[in-house]
Amino acid sequence: MPIPGAAGAPADERLSPQMIVPLMKRSEPGDGTRPARQTASFTTDSGQRRTIQLSRSEEFVVEDFVGDLLITYVFDLPRYFRHVNRKDCLDFGIRHDELRALSVKNLVRSRPKPK
């Protein structure tokens, strides 16, 4: 399967800033502080569970919201969500302080009007 946003990816999986929407989640239980570096866990084709440390540019954009709620940002693709990382913001020229307003505008635009 091609990497979304890469050349040769299906047209419905090419990334754009208009696909970014907010996603609320609870912070991980613990002392309330975020780790200095983010990690990603996945299962290999052979079934082994692996965890890797993400580079700074691969880290997901995460904001404190209220209480133990966080806002992460995702690309709302037809078959799945893909988290927005720092490099995505640089590639699209989106400043961190613009991300929340852009994502909310996209979410409102993409949902049907109430009837």
PDB file of N, CA and C in Angstrom:
ATOM      1  N   MET A   1       0.847  -1.184   0.000  1.00  0.00           N
ATOM      2  CA  MET A   1       0.000   0.000   0.000  1.00  0.00           C
ATOM      3  C   MET A   1       0.886   1.239   0.000  1.00  0.00           C
ATOM      4  N   PRO A   2       0.653   2.181  -0.904  1.00  0.00           N
ATOM      5  CA  PRO A   2       1.465   3.393  -0.946  1.00  0.00           C
ATOM      6  C   PRO A   2       1.290   4.232   0.310  1.00  0.00           C
ATOM      7  N   ILE A   3       2.295   5.003   0.623  1.00  0.00           N
ATOM      8  CA  ILE A   3       2.230   5.911   1.765  1.00  0.00           C
ATOM      9  C   ILE A   3       1.320   7.069   1.400  1.00  0.00           C
ATOM     10  N   PRO A   4       0.310   7.383   2.256  1.00  0.00           N
ATOM     11  CA  PRO A   4      -0.573   8.508   1.947  1.00  0.00           C
ATOM     12  C   PRO A   4       0.227   9.783   1.737  1.00  0.00           C
ATOM     13  N   GLY A   5      -0.157  10.522   0.730  1.00  0.00           N
ATOM     14  CA  GLY A   5       0.509  11.780   0.457  1.00  0.00           C
ATOM     15  C   GLY A   5       1.705  11.639  -0.459  1.00  0.00           C
ATOM     16  N   ALA A   6       2.182  10.392  -0.666  1.00  0.00           N
ATOM     17  CA  ALA A   6       3.351  10.173  -1.504  1.00  0.00           C
ATOM     18  C   ALA A   6       2.940  10.173  -2.969  1.00  0.00           C
ATOM     19  N   ALA A   7       3.923  10.462  -3.832  1.00  0.00           N
ATOM     20  CA  ALA A   7       3.657  10.378  -5.260  1.00  0.00           C
ATOM     21  C   ALA A   7       3.227   8.957  -5.572  1.00  0.00           C
ATOM     22  N   GLY A   8       2.208   8.789  -6.377  1.00  0.00           N
ATOM     23  CA  GLY A   8       1.714   7.467  -6.710  1.00  0.00           C
ATOM     24  C   GLY A   8       0.639   6.960  -5.767  1.00  0.00           C
ATOM     25  N   ALA A   9       0.376   7.678  -4.672  1.00  0.00           N
ATOM     26  CA  ALA A   9      -0.699   7.275  -3.761  1.00  0.00           C
ATOM     27  C   ALA A   9      -2.032   7.542  -4.454  1.00  0.00           C
ATOM     28  N   PRO A  10      -3.052   6.731  -4.161  1.00  0.00           N
ATOM     29  CA  PRO A  10      -4.369   7.003  -4.759  1.00  0.00           C
ATOM     30  C   PRO A  10      -4.807   8.432  -4.459  1.00  0.00           C
ATOM     31  N   ALA A  11      -5.544   9.021  -5.395  1.00  0.00           N
ATOM     32  CA  ALA A  11      -5.961  10.423  -5.247  1.00  0.00           C
ATOM     33  C   ALA A  11      -6.715  10.662  -3.954  1.00  0.00           C
ATOM     34  N   ASP A  12      -7.519   9.666  -3.501  1.00  0.00           N
ATOM     35  CA  ASP A  12      -8.298   9.867  -2.282  1.00  0.00           C
ATOM     36  C   ASP A  12      -7.434   9.746  -1.020  1.00  0.00           C
ATOM     37  N   GLU A  13      -6.144   9.451  -1.167  1.00  0.00           N
ATOM     38  CA  GLU A  13      -5.268   9.349  -0.004  1.00  0.00           C
ATOM     39  C   GLU A  13      -4.137  10.377  -0.038  1.00  0.00           C
ATOM     40  N   ARG A  14      -4.159  11.306  -0.974  1.00  0.00           N
ATOM     41  CA  ARG A  14      -3.158  12.366  -0.993  1.00  0.00           C
ATOM     42  C   ARG A  14      -3.528  13.375   0.082  1.00  0.00           C
ATOM     43  N   LEU A  15      -2.555  13.721   0.901  1.00  0.00           N
ATOM     44  CA  LEU A  15      -2.811  14.604   2.040  1.00  0.00           C
ATOM     45  C   LEU A  15      -2.950  16.053   1.606  1.00  0.00           C
ATOM     46  N   SER A  16      -3.822  16.777   2.306  1.00  0.00           N
ATOM     47  CA  SER A  16      -3.964  18.213   2.097  1.00  0.00           C
ATOM     48  C   SER A  16      -4.385  18.847   3.420  1.00  0.00           C
ATOM     49  N   PRO A  17      -4.126  20.135   3.598  1.00  0.00           N
ATOM     50  CA  PRO A  17      -4.532  20.807   4.839  1.00  0.00           C
ATOM     51  C   PRO A  17      -6.044  20.777   5.066  1.00  0.00           C
ATOM     52  N   GLN A  18      -6.838  20.632   3.990  1.00  0.00           N
ATOM     53  CA  GLN A  18      -8.295  20.603   4.134  1.00  0.00           C
ATOM     54  C   GLN A  18      -8.788  19.292   4.757  1.00  0.00           C
ATOM     55  N   MET A  19      -7.903  18.316   4.926  1.00  0.00           N
ATOM     56  CA  MET A  19      -8.270  17.029   5.532  1.00  0.00           C
ATOM     57  C   MET A  19      -7.999  16.996   7.032  1.00  0.00           C
ATOM     58  N   ILE A  20      -7.373  18.027   7.574  1.00  0.00           N
ATOM     59  CA  ILE A  20      -6.980  18.016   8.985  1.00  0.00           C
ATOM     60  C   ILE A  20      -8.178  18.347   9.869  1.00  0.00           C
ATOM     61  N   VAL A  21      -8.446  17.464  10.834  1.00  0.00           N
ATOM     62  CA  VAL A  21      -9.529  17.672  11.800  1.00  0.00           C
ATOM     63  C   VAL A  21      -8.996  17.389  13.207  1.00  0.00           C
ATOM     64  N   PRO A  22      -9.649  17.951  14.240  1.00  0.00           N
ATOM     65  CA  PRO A  22      -9.203  17.688  15.611  1.00  0.00           C
ATOM     66  C   PRO A  22      -9.711  16.341  16.099  1.00  0.00           C
ATOM     67  N   LEU A  23      -8.958  15.740  16.993  1.00  0.00           N
ATOM     68  CA  LEU A  23      -9.350  14.475  17.610  1.00  0.00           C
ATOM     69  C   LEU A  23      -9.059  14.596  19.102  1.00  0.00           C
ATOM     70  N   MET A  24     -10.094  14.448  19.912  1.00  0.00           N
ATOM     71  CA  MET A  24      -9.938  14.547  21.364  1.00  0.00           C
ATOM     72  C   MET A  24      -9.530  13.200  21.924  1.00  0.00           C
ATOM     73  N   LYS A  25      -8.656  13.213  22.921  1.00  0.00           N
ATOM     74  CA  LYS A  25      -8.308  11.978  23.613  1.00  0.00           C
ATOM     75  C   LYS A  25      -7.923  12.300  25.042  1.00  0.00           C
ATOM     76  N   ARG A  26      -8.010  11.312  25.889  1.00  0.00           N
ATOM     77  CA  ARG A  26      -7.599  11.476  27.282  1.00  0.00           C
ATOM     78  C   ARG A  26      -6.104  11.274  27.388  1.00  0.00           C
ATOM     79  N   SER A  27      -5.486  12.021  28.288  1.00  0.00           N
ATOM     80  CA  SER A  27      -4.052  11.827  28.494  1.00  0.00           C
ATOM     81  C   SER A  27      -3.840  10.481  29.167  1.00  0.00           C
ATOM     82  N   GLU A  28      -2.656   9.956  29.003  1.00  0.00           N
ATOM     83  CA  GLU A  28      -2.326   8.660  29.590  1.00  0.00           C
ATOM     84  C   GLU A  28      -2.306   8.778  31.101  1.00  0.00           C
ATOM     85  N   PRO A  29      -2.755   7.716  31.795  1.00  0.00           N
ATOM     86  CA  PRO A  29      -2.692   7.758  33.257  1.00  0.00           C
ATOM     87  C   PRO A  29      -1.240   7.897  33.702  1.00  0.00           C
ATOM     88  N   GLY A  30      -1.056   8.559  34.799  1.00  0.00           N
ATOM     89  CA  GLY A  30       0.303   8.748  35.296  1.00  0.00           C
ATOM     90  C   GLY A  30       0.400  10.040  36.063  1.00  0.00           C
ATOM     91  N   ASP A  31       1.554  10.645  35.958  1.00  0.00           N
ATOM     92  CA  ASP A  31       1.790  11.840  36.764  1.00  0.00           C
ATOM     93  C   ASP A  31       1.328  13.120  36.078  1.00  0.00           C
ATOM     94  N   GLY A  32       0.703  12.999  34.915  1.00  0.00           N
ATOM     95  CA  GLY A  32       0.167  14.184  34.249  1.00  0.00           C
ATOM     96  C   GLY A  32       1.160  14.896  33.355  1.00  0.00           C
ATOM     97  N   THR A  33       2.383  14.401  33.276  1.00  0.00           N
ATOM     98  CA  THR A  33       3.355  15.032  32.388  1.00  0.00           C
ATOM     99  C   THR A  33       3.515  14.173  31.147  1.00  0.00           C
ATOM    100  N   ARG A  34       3.790  14.816  30.050  1.00  0.00           N
ATOM    101  CA  ARG A  34       4.025  14.095  28.808  1.00  0.00           C
ATOM    102  C   ARG A  34       5.482  13.680  28.732  1.00  0.00           C
ATOM    103  N   PRO A  35       5.759  12.551  28.077  1.00  0.00           N
ATOM    104  CA  PRO A  35       7.158  12.167  27.917  1.00  0.00           C
ATOM    105  C   PRO A  35       7.895  13.187  27.061  1.00  0.00           C
ATOM    106  N   ALA A  36       9.198  13.291  27.266  1.00  0.00           N
ATOM    107  CA  ALA A  36      10.002  14.245  26.506  1.00  0.00           C
ATOM    108  C   ALA A  36       9.984  13.900  25.021  1.00  0.00           C
ATOM    109  N   ARG A  37       9.932  12.611  24.685  1.00  0.00           N
ATOM    110  CA  ARG A  37       9.893  12.172  23.292  1.00  0.00           C
ATOM    111  C   ARG A  37       8.750  11.193  23.100  1.00  0.00           C
ATOM    112  N   GLN A  38       8.118  11.244  21.954  1.00  0.00           N
ATOM    113  CA  GLN A  38       7.023  10.332  21.656  1.00  0.00           C
ATOM    114  C   GLN A  38       7.565   9.037  21.056  1.00  0.00           C
ATOM    115  N   THR A  39       6.815   7.965  21.248  1.00  0.00           N
ATOM    116  CA  THR A  39       7.150   6.678  20.660  1.00  0.00           C
ATOM    117  C   THR A  39       5.965   6.175  19.854  1.00  0.00           C
ATOM    118  N   ALA A  40       6.218   5.229  18.985  1.00  0.00           N
ATOM    119  CA  ALA A  40       5.163   4.580  18.202  1.00  0.00           C
ATOM    120  C   ALA A  40       5.323   3.084  18.360  1.00  0.00           C
ATOM    121  N   SER A  41       4.219   2.395  18.577  1.00  0.00           N
ATOM    122  CA  SER A  41       4.232   0.937  18.696  1.00  0.00           C
ATOM    123  C   SER A  41       3.485   0.342  17.513  1.00  0.00           C
ATOM    124  N   PHE A  42       3.971  -0.782  17.034  1.00  0.00           N
ATOM    125  CA  PHE A  42       3.347  -1.451  15.903  1.00  0.00           C
ATOM    126  C   PHE A  42       3.687  -2.930  15.940  1.00  0.00           C
ATOM    127  N   THR A  43       2.970  -3.705  15.143  1.00  0.00           N
ATOM    128  CA  THR A  43       3.228  -5.136  15.021  1.00  0.00           C
ATOM    129  C   THR A  43       3.832  -5.394  13.652  1.00  0.00           C
ATOM    130  N   THR A  44       4.947  -6.102  13.619  1.00  0.00           N
ATOM    131  CA  THR A  44       5.611  -6.403  12.353  1.00  0.00           C
ATOM    132  C   THR A  44       4.841  -7.499  11.607  1.00  0.00           C
ATOM    133  N   ASP A  45       5.197  -7.710  10.350  1.00  0.00           N
ATOM    134  CA  ASP A  45       4.563  -8.767   9.554  1.00  0.00           C
ATOM    135  C   ASP A  45       4.726 -10.132  10.211  1.00  0.00           C
ATOM    136  N   SER A  46       5.812 -10.321  10.967  1.00  0.00           N
ATOM    137  CA  SER A  46       6.037 -11.611  11.625  1.00  0.00           C
ATOM    138  C   SER A  46       5.319 -11.713  12.973  1.00  0.00           C
ATOM    139  N   GLY A  47       4.554 -10.657  13.338  1.00  0.00           N
ATOM    140  CA  GLY A  47       3.766 -10.702  14.564  1.00  0.00           C
ATOM    141  C   GLY A  47       4.474 -10.171  15.800  1.00  0.00           C
ATOM    142  N   GLN A  48       5.702  -9.679  15.655  1.00  0.00           N
ATOM    143  CA  GLN A  48       6.429  -9.122  16.796  1.00  0.00           C
ATOM    144  C   GLN A  48       5.958  -7.708  17.075  1.00  0.00           C
ATOM    145  N   ARG A  49       5.821  -7.390  18.354  1.00  0.00           N
ATOM    146  CA  ARG A  49       5.430  -6.038  18.776  1.00  0.00           C
ATOM    147  C   ARG A  49       6.701  -5.213  18.907  1.00  0.00           C
ATOM    148  N   ARG A  50       6.754  -4.038  18.266  1.00  0.00           N
ATOM    149  CA  ARG A  50       7.937  -3.183  18.300  1.00  0.00           C
ATOM    150  C   ARG A  50       7.538  -1.785  18.718  1.00  0.00           C
ATOM    151  N   THR A  51       8.414  -1.107  19.408  1.00  0.00           N
ATOM    152  CA  THR A  51       8.231   0.298  19.778  1.00  0.00           C
ATOM    153  C   THR A  51       9.478   1.045  19.336  1.00  0.00           C
ATOM    154  N   ILE A  52       9.271   2.163  18.660  1.00  0.00           N
ATOM    155  CA  ILE A  52      10.392   2.982  18.224  1.00  0.00           C
ATOM    156  C   ILE A  52      10.211   4.404  18.747  1.00  0.00           C
ATOM    157  N   GLN A  53      11.315   5.095  18.927  1.00  0.00           N
ATOM    158  CA  GLN A  53      11.258   6.500  19.321  1.00  0.00           C
ATOM    159  C   GLN A  53      11.139   7.329  18.056  1.00  0.00           C
ATOM    160  N   LEU A  54      10.163   8.217  18.023  1.00  0.00           N
ATOM    161  CA  LEU A  54       9.951   9.065  16.854  1.00  0.00           C
ATOM    162  C   LEU A  54      10.971  10.192  16.828  1.00  0.00           C
ATOM    163  N   SER A  55      11.400  10.544  15.630  1.00  0.00           N
ATOM    164  CA  SER A  55      12.266  11.720  15.506  1.00  0.00           C
ATOM    165  C   SER A  55      11.415  12.956  15.808  1.00  0.00           C
ATOM    166  N   ARG A  56      12.045  14.058  16.069  1.00  0.00           N
ATOM    167  CA  ARG A  56      11.330  15.292  16.413  1.00  0.00           C
ATOM    168  C   ARG A  56      10.312  15.659  15.328  1.00  0.00           C
ATOM    169  N   SER A  57      10.678  15.507  14.047  1.00  0.00           N
ATOM    170  CA  SER A  57       9.773  15.889  12.960  1.00  0.00           C
ATOM    171  C   SER A  57       8.594  14.924  12.812  1.00  0.00           C
ATOM    172  N   GLU A  58       8.731  13.690  13.330  1.00  0.00           N
ATOM    173  CA  GLU A  58       7.661  12.700  13.227  1.00  0.00           C
ATOM    174  C   GLU A  58       6.677  12.766  14.391  1.00  0.00           C
ATOM    175  N   GLU A  59       7.005  13.522  15.440  1.00  0.00           N
ATOM    176  CA  GLU A  59       6.137  13.584  16.613  1.00  0.00           C
ATOM    177  C   GLU A  59       4.784  14.187  16.254  1.00  0.00           C
ATOM    178  N   PHE A  60       3.722  13.588  16.809  1.00  0.00           N
ATOM    179  CA  PHE A  60       2.378  14.087  16.585  1.00  0.00           C
ATOM    180  C   PHE A  60       2.206  15.438  17.264  1.00  0.00           C
ATOM    181  N   VAL A  61       1.380  16.276  16.658  1.00  0.00           N
ATOM    182  CA  VAL A  61       1.053  17.563  17.261  1.00  0.00           C
ATOM    183  C   VAL A  61      -0.032  17.303  18.312  1.00  0.00           C
ATOM    184  N   VAL A  62       0.256  17.668  19.568  1.00  0.00           N
ATOM    185  CA  VAL A  62      -0.650  17.434  20.684  1.00  0.00           C
ATOM    186  C   VAL A  62      -0.749  18.724  21.493  1.00  0.00           C
ATOM    187  N   GLU A  63      -1.976  19.077  21.895  1.00  0.00           N
ATOM    188  CA  GLU A  63      -2.192  20.266  22.735  1.00  0.00           C
ATOM    189  C   GLU A  63      -2.996  19.877  23.962  1.00  0.00           C
ATOM    190  N   ASP A  64      -2.684  20.494  25.089  1.00  0.00           N
ATOM    191  CA  ASP A  64      -3.541  20.349  26.264  1.00  0.00           C
ATOM    192  C   ASP A  64      -4.848  21.068  25.960  1.00  0.00           C
ATOM    193  N   PHE A  65      -5.953  20.505  26.403  1.00  0.00           N
ATOM    194  CA  PHE A  65      -7.248  21.153  26.190  1.00  0.00           C
ATOM    195  C   PHE A  65      -7.831  21.567  27.529  1.00  0.00           C
ATOM    196  N   VAL A  66      -8.408  20.636  28.255  1.00  0.00           N
ATOM    197  CA  VAL A  66      -8.959  20.927  29.572  1.00  0.00           C
ATOM    198  C   VAL A  66      -8.907  19.639  30.387  1.00  0.00           C
ATOM    199  N   GLY A  67      -8.579  19.760  31.654  1.00  0.00           N
ATOM    200  CA  GLY A  67      -8.484  18.583  32.510  1.00  0.00           C
ATOM    201  C   GLY A  67      -7.505  17.587  31.923  1.00  0.00           C
ATOM    202  N   ASP A  68      -7.950  16.337  31.766  1.00  0.00           N
ATOM    203  CA  ASP A  68      -7.064  15.326  31.194  1.00  0.00           C
ATOM    204  C   ASP A  68      -7.310  15.102  29.700  1.00  0.00           C
ATOM    205  N   LEU A  69      -8.007  16.052  29.054  1.00  0.00           N
ATOM    206  CA  LEU A  69      -8.249  15.939  27.618  1.00  0.00           C
ATOM    207  C   LEU A  69      -7.149  16.634  26.820  1.00  0.00           C
ATOM    208  N   LEU A  70      -6.776  15.978  25.747  1.00  0.00           N
ATOM    209  CA  LEU A  70      -5.788  16.512  24.817  1.00  0.00           C
ATOM    210  C   LEU A  70      -6.440  16.640  23.448  1.00  0.00           C
ATOM    211  N   ILE A  71      -5.893  17.516  22.627  1.00  0.00           N
ATOM    212  CA  ILE A  71      -6.310  17.602  21.231  1.00  0.00           C
ATOM    213  C   ILE A  71      -5.131  17.105  20.404  1.00  0.00           C
ATOM    214  N   THR A  72      -5.403  16.116  19.550  1.00  0.00           N
ATOM    215  CA  THR A  72      -4.445  15.732  18.528  1.00  0.00           C
ATOM    216  C   THR A  72      -5.093  16.076  17.204  1.00  0.00           C
ATOM    217  N   TYR A  73      -4.314  16.113  16.173  1.00  0.00           N
ATOM    218  CA  TYR A  73      -4.834  16.460  14.855  1.00  0.00           C
ATOM    219  C   TYR A  73      -4.574  15.300  13.913  1.00  0.00           C
ATOM    220  N   VAL A  74      -5.550  15.017  13.059  1.00  0.00           N
ATOM    221  CA  VAL A  74      -5.441  13.891  12.139  1.00  0.00           C
ATOM    222  C   VAL A  74      -5.867  14.307  10.744  1.00  0.00           C
ATOM    223  N   PHE A  75      -5.339  13.590   9.746  1.00  0.00           N
ATOM    224  CA  PHE A  75      -5.843  13.689   8.388  1.00  0.00           C
ATOM    225  C   PHE A  75      -7.012  12.719   8.307  1.00  0.00           C
ATOM    226  N   ASP A  76      -8.191  13.204   7.957  1.00  0.00           N
ATOM    227  CA  ASP A  76      -9.395  12.381   7.864  1.00  0.00           C
ATOM    228  C   ASP A  76      -9.438  11.769   6.461  1.00  0.00           C
ATOM    229  N   LEU A  77      -8.810  10.603   6.324  1.00  0.00           N
ATOM    230  CA  LEU A  77      -8.741   9.901   5.050  1.00  0.00           C
ATOM    231  C   LEU A  77      -9.963   8.986   4.905  1.00  0.00           C
ATOM    232  N   PRO A  78     -10.280   8.546   3.701  1.00  0.00           N
ATOM    233  CA  PRO A  78     -11.486   7.737   3.497  1.00  0.00           C
ATOM    234  C   PRO A  78     -11.540   6.452   4.329  1.00  0.00           C
ATOM    235  N   ARG A  79     -10.398   5.805   4.557  1.00  0.00           N
ATOM    236  CA  ARG A  79     -10.426   4.520   5.252  1.00  0.00           C
ATOM    237  C   ARG A  79      -9.828   4.541   6.652  1.00  0.00           C
ATOM    238  N   TYR A  80      -9.179   5.637   7.037  1.00  0.00           N
ATOM    239  CA  TYR A  80      -8.536   5.698   8.351  1.00  0.00           C
ATOM    240  C   TYR A  80      -8.118   7.134   8.655  1.00  0.00           C
ATOM    241  N   PHE A  81      -7.684   7.352   9.891  1.00  0.00           N
ATOM    242  CA  PHE A  81      -7.085   8.630  10.294  1.00  0.00           C
ATOM    243  C   PHE A  81      -5.568   8.463  10.305  1.00  0.00           C
ATOM    244  N   ARG A  82      -4.849   9.528   9.972  1.00  0.00           N
ATOM    245  CA  ARG A  82      -3.395   9.546  10.116  1.00  0.00           C
ATOM    246  C   ARG A  82      -3.034  10.794  10.895  1.00  0.00           C
ATOM    247  N   HIS A  83      -2.287  10.622  11.992  1.00  0.00           N
ATOM    248  CA  HIS A  83      -1.932  11.769  12.835  1.00  0.00           C
ATOM    249  C   HIS A  83      -1.080  12.783  12.081  1.00  0.00           C
ATOM    250  N   VAL A  84      -1.329  14.042  12.375  1.00  0.00           N
ATOM    251  CA  VAL A  84      -0.535  15.142  11.831  1.00  0.00           C
ATOM    252  C   VAL A  84       0.735  15.240  12.670  1.00  0.00           C
ATOM    253  N   ASN A  85       1.878  15.304  12.005  1.00  0.00           N
ATOM    254  CA  ASN A  85       3.134  15.470  12.736  1.00  0.00           C
ATOM    255  C   ASN A  85       3.752  16.831  12.414  1.00  0.00           C
ATOM    256  N   ARG A  86       4.834  17.127  13.094  1.00  0.00           N
ATOM    257  CA  ARG A  86       5.484  18.433  12.916  1.00  0.00           C
ATOM    258  C   ARG A  86       5.913  18.671  11.472  1.00  0.00           C
ATOM    259  N   LYS A  87       6.420  17.634  10.801  1.00  0.00           N
ATOM    260  CA  LYS A  87       6.865  17.774   9.412  1.00  0.00           C
ATOM    261  C   LYS A  87       5.697  18.119   8.490  1.00  0.00           C
ATOM    262  N   ASP A  88       4.529  17.523   8.745  1.00  0.00           N
ATOM    263  CA  ASP A  88       3.348  17.859   7.936  1.00  0.00           C
ATOM    264  C   ASP A  88       3.067  19.359   8.009  1.00  0.00           C
ATOM    265  N   CYS A  89       3.139  19.902   9.214  1.00  0.00           N
ATOM    266  CA  CYS A  89       2.883  21.340   9.385  1.00  0.00           C
ATOM    267  C   CYS A  89       3.902  22.163   8.607  1.00  0.00           C
ATOM    268  N   LEU A  90       5.169  21.770   8.681  1.00  0.00           N
ATOM    269  CA  LEU A  90       6.205  22.479   7.918  1.00  0.00           C
ATOM    270  C   LEU A  90       5.951  22.350   6.420  1.00  0.00           C
ATOM    271  N   ASP A  91       5.647  21.137   5.961  1.00  0.00           N
ATOM    272  CA  ASP A  91       5.415  20.905   4.526  1.00  0.00           C
ATOM    273  C   ASP A  91       4.261  21.742   3.983  1.00  0.00           C
ATOM    274  N   PHE A  92       3.208  21.929   4.784  1.00  0.00           N
ATOM    275  CA  PHE A  92       2.041  22.688   4.334  1.00  0.00           C
ATOM    276  C   PHE A  92       2.097  24.159   4.746  1.00  0.00           C
ATOM    277  N   GLY A  93       3.139  24.555   5.466  1.00  0.00           N
ATOM    278  CA  GLY A  93       3.264  25.948   5.883  1.00  0.00           C
ATOM    279  C   GLY A  93       2.233  26.362   6.917  1.00  0.00           C
ATOM    280  N   ILE A  94       1.858  25.422   7.786  1.00  0.00           N
ATOM    281  CA  ILE A  94       0.856  25.701   8.816  1.00  0.00           C
ATOM    282  C   ILE A  94       1.581  25.950  10.137  1.00  0.00           C
ATOM    283  N   ARG A  95       1.355  27.116  10.714  1.00  0.00           N
ATOM    284  CA  ARG A  95       1.916  27.403  12.039  1.00  0.00           C
ATOM    285  C   ARG A  95       1.096  26.681  13.094  1.00  0.00           C
ATOM    286  N   HIS A  96       1.764  26.287  14.170  1.00  0.00           N
ATOM    287  CA  HIS A  96       1.089  25.563  15.248  1.00  0.00           C
ATOM    288  C   HIS A  96      -0.120  26.346  15.770  1.00  0.00           C
ATOM    289  N   ASP A  97       0.005  27.666  15.890  1.00  0.00           N
ATOM    290  CA  ASP A  97      -1.102  28.456  16.437  1.00  0.00           C
ATOM    291  C   ASP A  97      -2.271  28.599  15.453  1.00  0.00           C
ATOM    292  N   GLU A  98      -2.121  28.144  14.210  1.00  0.00           N
ATOM    293  CA  GLU A  98      -3.211  28.172  13.223  1.00  0.00           C
ATOM    294  C   GLU A  98      -3.937  26.831  13.114  1.00  0.00           C
ATOM    295  N   LEU A  99      -3.343  25.792  13.676  1.00  0.00           N
ATOM    296  CA  LEU A  99      -3.830  24.430  13.458  1.00  0.00           C
ATOM    297  C   LEU A  99      -5.226  24.191  14.028  1.00  0.00           C
ATOM    298  N   ARG A 100      -5.494  24.674  15.228  1.00  0.00           N
ATOM    299  CA  ARG A 100      -6.805  24.427  15.841  1.00  0.00           C
ATOM    300  C   ARG A 100      -7.921  25.063  15.011  1.00  0.00           C
ATOM    301  N   ALA A 101      -7.765  26.330  14.636  1.00  0.00           N
ATOM    302  CA  ALA A 101      -8.807  27.012  13.855  1.00  0.00           C
ATOM    303  C   ALA A 101      -9.013  26.334  12.497  1.00  0.00           C
ATOM    304  N   LEU A 102      -7.918  25.949  11.833  1.00  0.00           N
ATOM    305  CA  LEU A 102      -8.018  25.266  10.545  1.00  0.00           C
ATOM    306  C   LEU A 102      -8.760  23.936  10.692  1.00  0.00           C
ATOM    307  N   SER A 103      -8.410  23.166  11.707  1.00  0.00           N
ATOM    308  CA  SER A 103      -9.022  21.839  11.879  1.00  0.00           C
ATOM    309  C   SER A 103     -10.511  21.936  12.209  1.00  0.00           C
ATOM    310  N   VAL A 104     -10.888  22.906  13.025  1.00  0.00           N
ATOM    311  CA  VAL A 104     -12.308  23.077  13.365  1.00  0.00           C
ATOM    312  C   VAL A 104     -13.085  23.512  12.124  1.00  0.00           C
ATOM    313  N   LYS A 105     -12.532  24.429  11.351  1.00  0.00           N
ATOM    314  CA  LYS A 105     -13.178  24.870  10.107  1.00  0.00           C
ATOM    315  C   LYS A 105     -13.380  23.678   9.167  1.00  0.00           C
ATOM    316  N   ASN A 106     -12.361  22.819   9.045  1.00  0.00           N
ATOM    317  CA  ASN A 106     -12.471  21.632   8.188  1.00  0.00           C
ATOM    318  C   ASN A 106     -13.540  20.669   8.703  1.00  0.00           C
ATOM    319  N   LEU A 107     -13.597  20.486  10.013  1.00  0.00           N
ATOM    320  CA  LEU A 107     -14.577  19.576  10.600  1.00  0.00           C
ATOM    321  C   LEU A 107     -16.000  20.064  10.340  1.00  0.00           C
ATOM    322  N   VAL A 108     -16.236  21.347  10.540  1.00  0.00           N
ATOM    323  CA  VAL A 108     -17.565  21.927  10.311  1.00  0.00           C
ATOM    324  C   VAL A 108     -17.932  21.813   8.833  1.00  0.00           C
ATOM    325  N   ARG A 109     -16.989  22.114   7.953  1.00  0.00           N
ATOM    326  CA  ARG A 109     -17.237  22.058   6.506  1.00  0.00           C
ATOM    327  C   ARG A 109     -17.541  20.638   6.033  1.00  0.00           C
ATOM    328  N   SER A 110     -16.904  19.640   6.643  1.00  0.00           N
ATOM    329  CA  SER A 110     -17.037  18.264   6.158  1.00  0.00           C
ATOM    330  C   SER A 110     -18.272  17.539   6.687  1.00  0.00           C
ATOM    331  N   ARG A 111     -18.947  18.086   7.653  1.00  0.00           N
ATOM    332  CA  ARG A 111     -20.123  17.421   8.246  1.00  0.00           C
ATOM    333  C   ARG A 111     -21.389  17.956   7.619  1.00  0.00           C
ATOM    334  N   PRO A 112     -22.419  17.092   7.493  1.00  0.00           N
ATOM    335  CA  PRO A 112     -23.682  17.573   6.923  1.00  0.00           C
ATOM    336  C   PRO A 112     -24.332  18.631   7.810  1.00  0.00           C
ATOM    337  N   LYS A 113     -25.078  19.497   7.178  1.00  0.00           N
ATOM    338  CA  LYS A 113     -25.817  20.531   7.912  1.00  0.00           C
ATOM    339  C   LYS A 113     -26.926  19.863   8.714  1.00  0.00           C
ATOM    340  N   PRO A 114     -27.183  20.316   9.947  1.00  0.00           N
ATOM    341  CA  PRO A 114     -28.285  19.742  10.729  1.00  0.00           C
ATOM    342  C   PRO A 114     -29.620  20.003  10.050  1.00  0.00           C
ATOM    343  N   LYS A 115     -30.532  19.054  10.203  1.00  0.00           N
ATOM    344  CA  LYS A 115     -31.864  19.210   9.604  1.00  0.00           C
ATOM    345  C   LYS A 115     -32.911  19.171  10.687  1.00  0.00           C
TER     346      LYS A 115
END
